[in-house]
């Protein structure tokens, strides 16, 4: 995906997509909390399907990397506005 000022973006669509992603992320967070509150990490490791755990871990790591970039951009924008 391109970035920069030469690329036209549909801002309304972007806002709607970010809002929808926020709802989906909240749902995923709630699901993870339910598991976290019911089971110990050791039980999760011992009794879950390894491939399912690996995919969940990879997804959460990718989300963390993505939102860390967004957070850095937000921080840089705040710093340059001062």
PDB file of N, CA and C in Angstrom:
ATOM      1  N   UNK A   1       0.836  -1.178   0.000  1.00  0.00           N
ATOM      2  CA  UNK A   1       0.000   0.000   0.000  1.00  0.00           C
ATOM      3  C   UNK A   1       0.881   1.241   0.000  1.00  0.00           C
ATOM      4  N   UNK A   2       0.553   2.196  -0.845  1.00  0.00           N
ATOM      5  CA  UNK A   2       1.345   3.404  -0.955  1.00  0.00           C
ATOM      6  C   UNK A   2       1.018   4.376   0.166  1.00  0.00           C
ATOM      7  N   UNK A   3       1.963   5.233   0.423  1.00  0.00           N
ATOM      8  CA  UNK A   3       1.690   6.329   1.355  1.00  0.00           C
ATOM      9  C   UNK A   3       2.274   7.592   0.762  1.00  0.00           C
ATOM     10  N   UNK A   4       1.881   8.706   1.299  1.00  0.00           N
ATOM     11  CA  UNK A   4       2.401   9.965   0.810  1.00  0.00           C
ATOM     12  C   UNK A   4       1.284  10.853   0.308  1.00  0.00           C
ATOM     13  N   UNK A   5       1.649  12.096   0.000  1.00  0.00           N
ATOM     14  CA  UNK A   5       0.638  13.088  -0.355  1.00  0.00           C
ATOM     15  C   UNK A   5       0.137  12.940  -1.785  1.00  0.00           C
ATOM     16  N   UNK A   6       0.827  12.226  -2.673  1.00  0.00           N
ATOM     17  CA  UNK A   6       0.406  12.096  -4.060  1.00  0.00           C
ATOM     18  C   UNK A   6      -0.735  11.098  -4.225  1.00  0.00           C
ATOM     19  N   UNK A   7      -0.996  10.294  -3.241  1.00  0.00           N
ATOM     20  CA  UNK A   7      -2.017   9.258  -3.320  1.00  0.00           C
ATOM     21  C   UNK A   7      -3.325   9.785  -2.744  1.00  0.00           C
ATOM     22  N   UNK A   8      -4.389   9.701  -3.513  1.00  0.00           N
ATOM     23  CA  UNK A   8      -5.705  10.134  -3.041  1.00  0.00           C
ATOM     24  C   UNK A   8      -6.315   9.026  -2.192  1.00  0.00           C
ATOM     25  N   UNK A   9      -6.823   9.375  -1.018  1.00  0.00           N
ATOM     26  CA  UNK A   9      -7.491   8.394  -0.172  1.00  0.00           C
ATOM     27  C   UNK A   9      -8.907   8.857   0.109  1.00  0.00           C
ATOM     28  N   UNK A  10      -9.773   7.900   0.303  1.00  0.00           N
ATOM     29  CA  UNK A  10     -11.157   8.171   0.685  1.00  0.00           C
ATOM     30  C   UNK A  10     -11.186   8.240   2.210  1.00  0.00           C
ATOM     31  N   UNK A  11     -11.189   9.450   2.732  1.00  0.00           N
ATOM     32  CA  UNK A  11     -11.071   9.645   4.181  1.00  0.00           C
ATOM     33  C   UNK A  11     -12.259   9.061   4.928  1.00  0.00           C
ATOM     34  N   UNK A  12     -13.450   9.198   4.386  1.00  0.00           N
ATOM     35  CA  UNK A  12     -14.625   8.628   5.046  1.00  0.00           C
ATOM     36  C   UNK A  12     -14.495   7.110   5.131  1.00  0.00           C
ATOM     37  N   UNK A  13     -14.015   6.498   4.064  1.00  0.00           N
ATOM     38  CA  UNK A  13     -13.831   5.036   4.051  1.00  0.00           C
ATOM     39  C   UNK A  13     -12.762   4.627   5.056  1.00  0.00           C
ATOM     40  N   UNK A  14     -11.665   5.388   5.105  1.00  0.00           N
ATOM     41  CA  UNK A  14     -10.585   5.104   6.062  1.00  0.00           C
ATOM     42  C   UNK A  14     -11.126   5.148   7.488  1.00  0.00           C
ATOM     43  N   UNK A  15     -11.893   6.186   7.808  1.00  0.00           N
ATOM     44  CA  UNK A  15     -12.441   6.315   9.163  1.00  0.00           C
ATOM     45  C   UNK A  15     -13.370   5.157   9.493  1.00  0.00           C
ATOM     46  N   UNK A  16     -14.198   4.760   8.524  1.00  0.00           N
ATOM     47  CA  UNK A  16     -15.113   3.641   8.745  1.00  0.00           C
ATOM     48  C   UNK A  16     -14.337   2.335   8.929  1.00  0.00           C
ATOM     49  N   UNK A  17     -13.298   2.142   8.123  1.00  0.00           N
ATOM     50  CA  UNK A  17     -12.483   0.924   8.237  1.00  0.00           C
ATOM     51  C   UNK A  17     -11.768   0.856   9.587  1.00  0.00           C
ATOM     52  N   UNK A  18     -11.236   1.984  10.042  1.00  0.00           N
ATOM     53  CA  UNK A  18     -10.549   2.016  11.343  1.00  0.00           C
ATOM     54  C   UNK A  18     -11.545   1.746  12.467  1.00  0.00           C
ATOM     55  N   UNK A  19     -12.741   2.327  12.370  1.00  0.00           N
ATOM     56  CA  UNK A  19     -13.761   2.086  13.398  1.00  0.00           C
ATOM     57  C   UNK A  19     -14.173   0.619  13.422  1.00  0.00           C
ATOM     58  N   UNK A  20     -14.368   0.020  12.247  1.00  0.00           N
ATOM     59  CA  UNK A  20     -14.748  -1.396  12.173  1.00  0.00           C
ATOM     60  C   UNK A  20     -13.633  -2.279  12.729  1.00  0.00           C
ATOM     61  N   UNK A  21     -12.397  -1.955  12.391  1.00  0.00           N
ATOM     62  CA  UNK A  21     -11.269  -2.724  12.916  1.00  0.00           C
ATOM     63  C   UNK A  21     -11.202  -2.596  14.432  1.00  0.00           C
ATOM     64  N   UNK A  22     -11.500  -1.422  14.951  1.00  0.00           N
ATOM     65  CA  UNK A  22     -11.506  -1.228  16.400  1.00  0.00           C
ATOM     66  C   UNK A  22     -12.507  -2.132  17.095  1.00  0.00           C
ATOM     67  N   UNK A  23     -13.687  -2.280  16.497  1.00  0.00           N
ATOM     68  CA  UNK A  23     -14.708  -3.164  17.072  1.00  0.00           C
ATOM     69  C   UNK A  23     -14.223  -4.614  17.036  1.00  0.00           C
ATOM     70  N   UNK A  24     -13.654  -5.024  15.907  1.00  0.00           N
ATOM     71  CA  UNK A  24     -13.153  -6.394  15.795  1.00  0.00           C
ATOM     72  C   UNK A  24     -12.008  -6.659  16.764  1.00  0.00           C
ATOM     73  N   UNK A  25     -11.140  -5.678  16.945  1.00  0.00           N
ATOM     74  CA  UNK A  25     -10.037  -5.837  17.892  1.00  0.00           C
ATOM     75  C   UNK A  25     -10.547  -5.923  19.326  1.00  0.00           C
ATOM     76  N   UNK A  26     -11.557  -5.140  19.650  1.00  0.00           N
ATOM     77  CA  UNK A  26     -12.156  -5.218  20.980  1.00  0.00           C
ATOM     78  C   UNK A  26     -12.743  -6.605  21.218  1.00  0.00           C
ATOM     79  N   UNK A  27     -13.394  -7.164  20.207  1.00  0.00           N
ATOM     80  CA  UNK A  27     -13.952  -8.509  20.315  1.00  0.00           C
ATOM     81  C   UNK A  27     -12.842  -9.536  20.550  1.00  0.00           C
ATOM     82  N   UNK A  28     -11.760  -9.414  19.808  1.00  0.00           N
ATOM     83  CA  UNK A  28     -10.627 -10.334  19.984  1.00  0.00           C
ATOM     84  C   UNK A  28     -10.016 -10.179  21.370  1.00  0.00           C
ATOM     85  N   UNK A  29      -9.925  -8.946  21.832  1.00  0.00           N
ATOM     86  CA  UNK A  29      -9.380  -8.688  23.171  1.00  0.00           C
ATOM     87  C   UNK A  29     -10.255  -9.360  24.233  1.00  0.00           C
ATOM     88  N   UNK A  30     -11.570  -9.242  24.077  1.00  0.00           N
ATOM     89  CA  UNK A  30     -12.493  -9.877  25.028  1.00  0.00           C
ATOM     90  C   UNK A  30     -12.340 -11.394  25.007  1.00  0.00           C
ATOM     91  N   UNK A  31     -12.195 -11.969  23.830  1.00  0.00           N
ATOM     92  CA  UNK A  31     -12.016 -13.418  23.712  1.00  0.00           C
ATOM     93  C   UNK A  31     -10.729 -13.854  24.407  1.00  0.00           C
ATOM     94  N   UNK A  32      -9.669 -13.102  24.207  1.00  0.00           N
ATOM     95  CA  UNK A  32      -8.394 -13.427  24.856  1.00  0.00           C
ATOM     96  C   UNK A  32      -8.517 -13.294  26.378  1.00  0.00           C
ATOM     97  N   UNK A  33      -9.229 -12.274  26.835  1.00  0.00           N
ATOM     98  CA  UNK A  33      -9.426 -12.097  28.283  1.00  0.00           C
ATOM     99  C   UNK A  33     -10.216 -13.257  28.889  1.00  0.00           C
ATOM    100  N   UNK A  34     -11.235 -13.728  28.173  1.00  0.00           N
ATOM    101  CA  UNK A  34     -12.002 -14.880  28.683  1.00  0.00           C
ATOM    102  C   UNK A  34     -11.085 -16.085  28.869  1.00  0.00           C
ATOM    103  N   UNK A  35     -10.230 -16.334  27.907  1.00  0.00           N
ATOM    104  CA  UNK A  35      -9.295 -17.466  28.011  1.00  0.00           C
ATOM    105  C   UNK A  35      -8.300 -17.225  29.144  1.00  0.00           C
ATOM    106  N   UNK A  36      -7.785 -16.007  29.199  1.00  0.00           N
ATOM    107  CA  UNK A  36      -6.776 -15.667  30.217  1.00  0.00           C
ATOM    108  C   UNK A  36      -7.325 -15.831  31.626  1.00  0.00           C
ATOM    109  N   UNK A  37      -8.588 -15.463  31.812  1.00  0.00           N
ATOM    110  CA  UNK A  37      -9.188 -15.535  33.143  1.00  0.00           C
ATOM    111  C   UNK A  37      -9.606 -16.955  33.538  1.00  0.00           C
ATOM    112  N   UNK A  38      -9.837 -17.818  32.566  1.00  0.00           N
ATOM    113  CA  UNK A  38     -10.295 -19.177  32.863  1.00  0.00           C
ATOM    114  C   UNK A  38      -9.182 -20.210  32.948  1.00  0.00           C
ATOM    115  N   UNK A  39      -8.091 -19.978  32.254  1.00  0.00           N
ATOM    116  CA  UNK A  39      -7.060 -21.012  32.145  1.00  0.00           C
ATOM    117  C   UNK A  39      -5.674 -20.435  32.440  1.00  0.00           C
ATOM    118  N   UNK A  40      -4.826 -21.286  32.973  1.00  0.00           N
ATOM    119  CA  UNK A  40      -3.449 -20.857  33.203  1.00  0.00           C
ATOM    120  C   UNK A  40      -2.681 -20.915  31.879  1.00  0.00           C
ATOM    121  N   UNK A  41      -1.616 -20.124  31.769  1.00  0.00           N
ATOM    122  CA  UNK A  41      -0.801 -20.223  30.556  1.00  0.00           C
ATOM    123  C   UNK A  41      -0.299 -21.651  30.311  1.00  0.00           C
ATOM    124  N   UNK A  42       0.044 -22.357  31.377  1.00  0.00           N
ATOM    125  CA  UNK A  42       0.531 -23.730  31.216  1.00  0.00           C
ATOM    126  C   UNK A  42      -0.553 -24.649  30.654  1.00  0.00           C
ATOM    127  N   UNK A  43      -1.803 -24.502  31.136  1.00  0.00           N
ATOM    128  CA  UNK A  43      -2.901 -25.297  30.593  1.00  0.00           C
ATOM    129  C   UNK A  43      -3.145 -24.985  29.120  1.00  0.00           C
ATOM    130  N   UNK A  44      -3.055 -23.721  28.774  1.00  0.00           N
ATOM    131  CA  UNK A  44      -3.233 -23.330  27.374  1.00  0.00           C
ATOM    132  C   UNK A  44      -2.166 -23.987  26.505  1.00  0.00           C
ATOM    133  N   UNK A  45      -0.935 -23.962  26.962  1.00  0.00           N
ATOM    134  CA  UNK A  45       0.157 -24.579  26.204  1.00  0.00           C
ATOM    135  C   UNK A  45      -0.018 -26.094  26.134  1.00  0.00           C
ATOM    136  N   UNK A  46      -0.387 -26.690  27.245  1.00  0.00           N
ATOM    137  CA  UNK A  46      -0.479 -28.158  27.298  1.00  0.00           C
ATOM    138  C   UNK A  46      -1.649 -28.738  26.507  1.00  0.00           C
ATOM    139  N   UNK A  47      -2.778 -28.038  26.453  1.00  0.00           N
ATOM    140  CA  UNK A  47      -3.987 -28.649  25.917  1.00  0.00           C
ATOM    141  C   UNK A  47      -4.527 -28.012  24.637  1.00  0.00           C
ATOM    142  N   UNK A  48      -3.955 -26.921  24.200  1.00  0.00           N
ATOM    143  CA  UNK A  48      -4.405 -26.287  22.955  1.00  0.00           C
ATOM    144  C   UNK A  48      -3.688 -26.907  21.765  1.00  0.00           C
ATOM    145  N   UNK A  49      -4.281 -26.712  20.608  1.00  0.00           N
ATOM    146  CA  UNK A  49      -3.629 -27.151  19.378  1.00  0.00           C
ATOM    147  C   UNK A  49      -2.441 -26.230  19.107  1.00  0.00           C
ATOM    148  N   UNK A  50      -1.247 -26.787  18.951  1.00  0.00           N
ATOM    149  CA  UNK A  50      -0.063 -25.947  18.731  1.00  0.00           C
ATOM    150  C   UNK A  50      -0.191 -25.010  17.521  1.00  0.00           C
ATOM    151  N   UNK A  51      -0.749 -25.503  16.428  1.00  0.00           N
ATOM    152  CA  UNK A  51      -0.878 -24.648  15.241  1.00  0.00           C
ATOM    153  C   UNK A  51      -1.826 -23.485  15.482  1.00  0.00           C
ATOM    154  N   UNK A  52      -2.890 -23.728  16.228  1.00  0.00           N
ATOM    155  CA  UNK A  52      -3.830 -22.660  16.560  1.00  0.00           C
ATOM    156  C   UNK A  52      -3.145 -21.595  17.407  1.00  0.00           C
ATOM    157  N   UNK A  53      -2.368 -22.031  18.385  1.00  0.00           N
ATOM    158  CA  UNK A  53      -1.633 -21.078  19.220  1.00  0.00           C
ATOM    159  C   UNK A  53      -0.609 -20.298  18.405  1.00  0.00           C
ATOM    160  N   UNK A  54       0.113 -20.987  17.536  1.00  0.00           N
ATOM    161  CA  UNK A  54       1.129 -20.314  16.714  1.00  0.00           C
ATOM    162  C   UNK A  54       0.496 -19.255  15.824  1.00  0.00           C
ATOM    163  N   UNK A  55      -0.659 -19.567  15.245  1.00  0.00           N
ATOM    164  CA  UNK A  55      -1.346 -18.591  14.390  1.00  0.00           C
ATOM    165  C   UNK A  55      -1.838 -17.403  15.206  1.00  0.00           C
ATOM    166  N   UNK A  56      -2.375 -17.674  16.391  1.00  0.00           N
ATOM    167  CA  UNK A  56      -2.843 -16.588  17.253  1.00  0.00           C
ATOM    168  C   UNK A  56      -1.686 -15.690  17.688  1.00  0.00           C
ATOM    169  N   UNK A  57      -0.578 -16.306  18.026  1.00  0.00           N
ATOM    170  CA  UNK A  57       0.610 -15.541  18.437  1.00  0.00           C
ATOM    171  C   UNK A  57       1.135 -14.708  17.273  1.00  0.00           C
ATOM    172  N   UNK A  58       1.208 -15.309  16.081  1.00  0.00           N
ATOM    173  CA  UNK A  58       1.683 -14.577  14.903  1.00  0.00           C
ATOM    174  C   UNK A  58       0.765 -13.397  14.590  1.00  0.00           C
ATOM    175  N   UNK A  59      -0.541 -13.607  14.696  1.00  0.00           N
ATOM    176  CA  UNK A  59      -1.493 -12.522  14.440  1.00  0.00           C
ATOM    177  C   UNK A  59      -1.325 -11.389  15.441  1.00  0.00           C
ATOM    178  N   UNK A  60      -1.203 -11.745  16.713  1.00  0.00           N
ATOM    179  CA  UNK A  60      -1.065 -10.703  17.731  1.00  0.00           C
ATOM    180  C   UNK A  60       0.256  -9.954  17.579  1.00  0.00           C
ATOM    181  N   UNK A  61       1.311 -10.650  17.198  1.00  0.00           N
ATOM    182  CA  UNK A  61       2.596  -9.982  16.975  1.00  0.00           C
ATOM    183  C   UNK A  61       2.525  -9.033  15.783  1.00  0.00           C
ATOM    184  N   UNK A  62       1.851  -9.464  14.715  1.00  0.00           N
ATOM    185  CA  UNK A  62       1.706  -8.596  13.540  1.00  0.00           C
ATOM    186  C   UNK A  62       0.900  -7.350  13.895  1.00  0.00           C
ATOM    187  N   UNK A  63      -0.169  -7.525  14.683  1.00  0.00           N
ATOM    188  CA  UNK A  63      -0.960  -6.376  15.125  1.00  0.00           C
ATOM    189  C   UNK A  63      -0.121  -5.424  15.971  1.00  0.00           C
ATOM    190  N   UNK A  64       0.673  -5.988  16.849  1.00  0.00           N
ATOM    191  CA  UNK A  64       1.529  -5.154  17.703  1.00  0.00           C
ATOM    192  C   UNK A  64       2.505  -4.338  16.854  1.00  0.00           C
ATOM    193  N   UNK A  65       3.132  -4.983  15.872  1.00  0.00           N
ATOM    194  CA  UNK A  65       4.065  -4.257  15.004  1.00  0.00           C
ATOM    195  C   UNK A  65       3.346  -3.144  14.238  1.00  0.00           C
ATOM    196  N   UNK A  66       2.181  -3.467  13.670  1.00  0.00           N
ATOM    197  CA  UNK A  66       1.426  -2.488  12.894  1.00  0.00           C
ATOM    198  C   UNK A  66       1.039  -1.286  13.752  1.00  0.00           C
ATOM    199  N   UNK A  67       0.460  -1.539  14.913  1.00  0.00           N
ATOM    200  CA  UNK A  67       0.005  -0.436  15.747  1.00  0.00           C
ATOM    201  C   UNK A  67       1.165   0.312  16.413  1.00  0.00           C
ATOM    202  N   UNK A  68       2.309  -0.325  16.550  1.00  0.00           N
ATOM    203  CA  UNK A  68       3.494   0.386  17.039  1.00  0.00           C
ATOM    204  C   UNK A  68       3.949   1.430  16.030  1.00  0.00           C
ATOM    205  N   UNK A  69       3.858   1.092  14.740  1.00  0.00           N
ATOM    206  CA  UNK A  69       4.190   2.058  13.683  1.00  0.00           C
ATOM    207  C   UNK A  69       3.204   3.224  13.718  1.00  0.00           C
ATOM    208  N   UNK A  70       1.913   2.904  13.862  1.00  0.00           N
ATOM    209  CA  UNK A  70       0.889   3.951  13.932  1.00  0.00           C
ATOM    210  C   UNK A  70       1.136   4.838  15.150  1.00  0.00           C
ATOM    211  N   UNK A  71       1.416   4.211  16.290  1.00  0.00           N
ATOM    212  CA  UNK A  71       1.679   4.977  17.511  1.00  0.00           C
ATOM    213  C   UNK A  71       2.891   5.893  17.340  1.00  0.00           C
ATOM    214  N   UNK A  72       3.938   5.388  16.697  1.00  0.00           N
ATOM    215  CA  UNK A  72       5.135   6.200  16.467  1.00  0.00           C
ATOM    216  C   UNK A  72       4.808   7.399  15.585  1.00  0.00           C
ATOM    217  N   UNK A  73       3.994   7.181  14.552  1.00  0.00           N
ATOM    218  CA  UNK A  73       3.587   8.288  13.680  1.00  0.00           C
ATOM    219  C   UNK A  73       2.774   9.313  14.460  1.00  0.00           C
ATOM    220  N   UNK A  74       1.903   8.857  15.339  1.00  0.00           N
ATOM    221  CA  UNK A  74       1.103   9.764  16.157  1.00  0.00           C
ATOM    222  C   UNK A  74       2.000  10.576  17.085  1.00  0.00           C
ATOM    223  N   UNK A  75       2.963   9.897  17.690  1.00  0.00           N
ATOM    224  CA  UNK A  75       3.891  10.565  18.601  1.00  0.00           C
ATOM    225  C   UNK A  75       4.735  11.592  17.853  1.00  0.00           C
ATOM    226  N   UNK A  76       5.206  11.210  16.672  1.00  0.00           N
ATOM    227  CA  UNK A  76       5.998  12.151  15.864  1.00  0.00           C
ATOM    228  C   UNK A  76       5.168  13.358  15.468  1.00  0.00           C
ATOM    229  N   UNK A  77       3.901  13.137  15.140  1.00  0.00           N
ATOM    230  CA  UNK A  77       3.018  14.240  14.791  1.00  0.00           C
ATOM    231  C   UNK A  77       2.768  15.175  15.956  1.00  0.00           C
ATOM    232  N   UNK A  78       2.619  14.596  17.146  1.00  0.00           N
ATOM    233  CA  UNK A  78       2.425  15.402  18.351  1.00  0.00           C
ATOM    234  C   UNK A  78       3.672  16.190  18.679  1.00  0.00           C
ATOM    235  N   UNK A  79       4.834  15.555  18.505  1.00  0.00           N
ATOM    236  CA  UNK A  79       6.101  16.235  18.799  1.00  0.00           C
ATOM    237  C   UNK A  79       6.354  17.397  17.824  1.00  0.00           C
ATOM    238  N   UNK A  80       6.021  17.222  16.557  1.00  0.00           N
ATOM    239  CA  UNK A  80       6.275  18.270  15.587  1.00  0.00           C
ATOM    240  C   UNK A  80       5.291  19.424  15.727  1.00  0.00           C
ATOM    241  N   UNK A  81       4.167  19.188  16.381  1.00  0.00           N
ATOM    242  CA  UNK A  81       3.173  20.247  16.585  1.00  0.00           C
ATOM    243  C   UNK A  81       3.470  21.134  17.767  1.00  0.00           C
ATOM    244  N   UNK A  82       4.485  20.801  18.521  1.00  0.00           N
ATOM    245  CA  UNK A  82       4.817  21.595  19.730  1.00  0.00           C
ATOM    246  C   UNK A  82       5.801  22.684  19.437  1.00  0.00           C
TER     247      UNK A  82
END
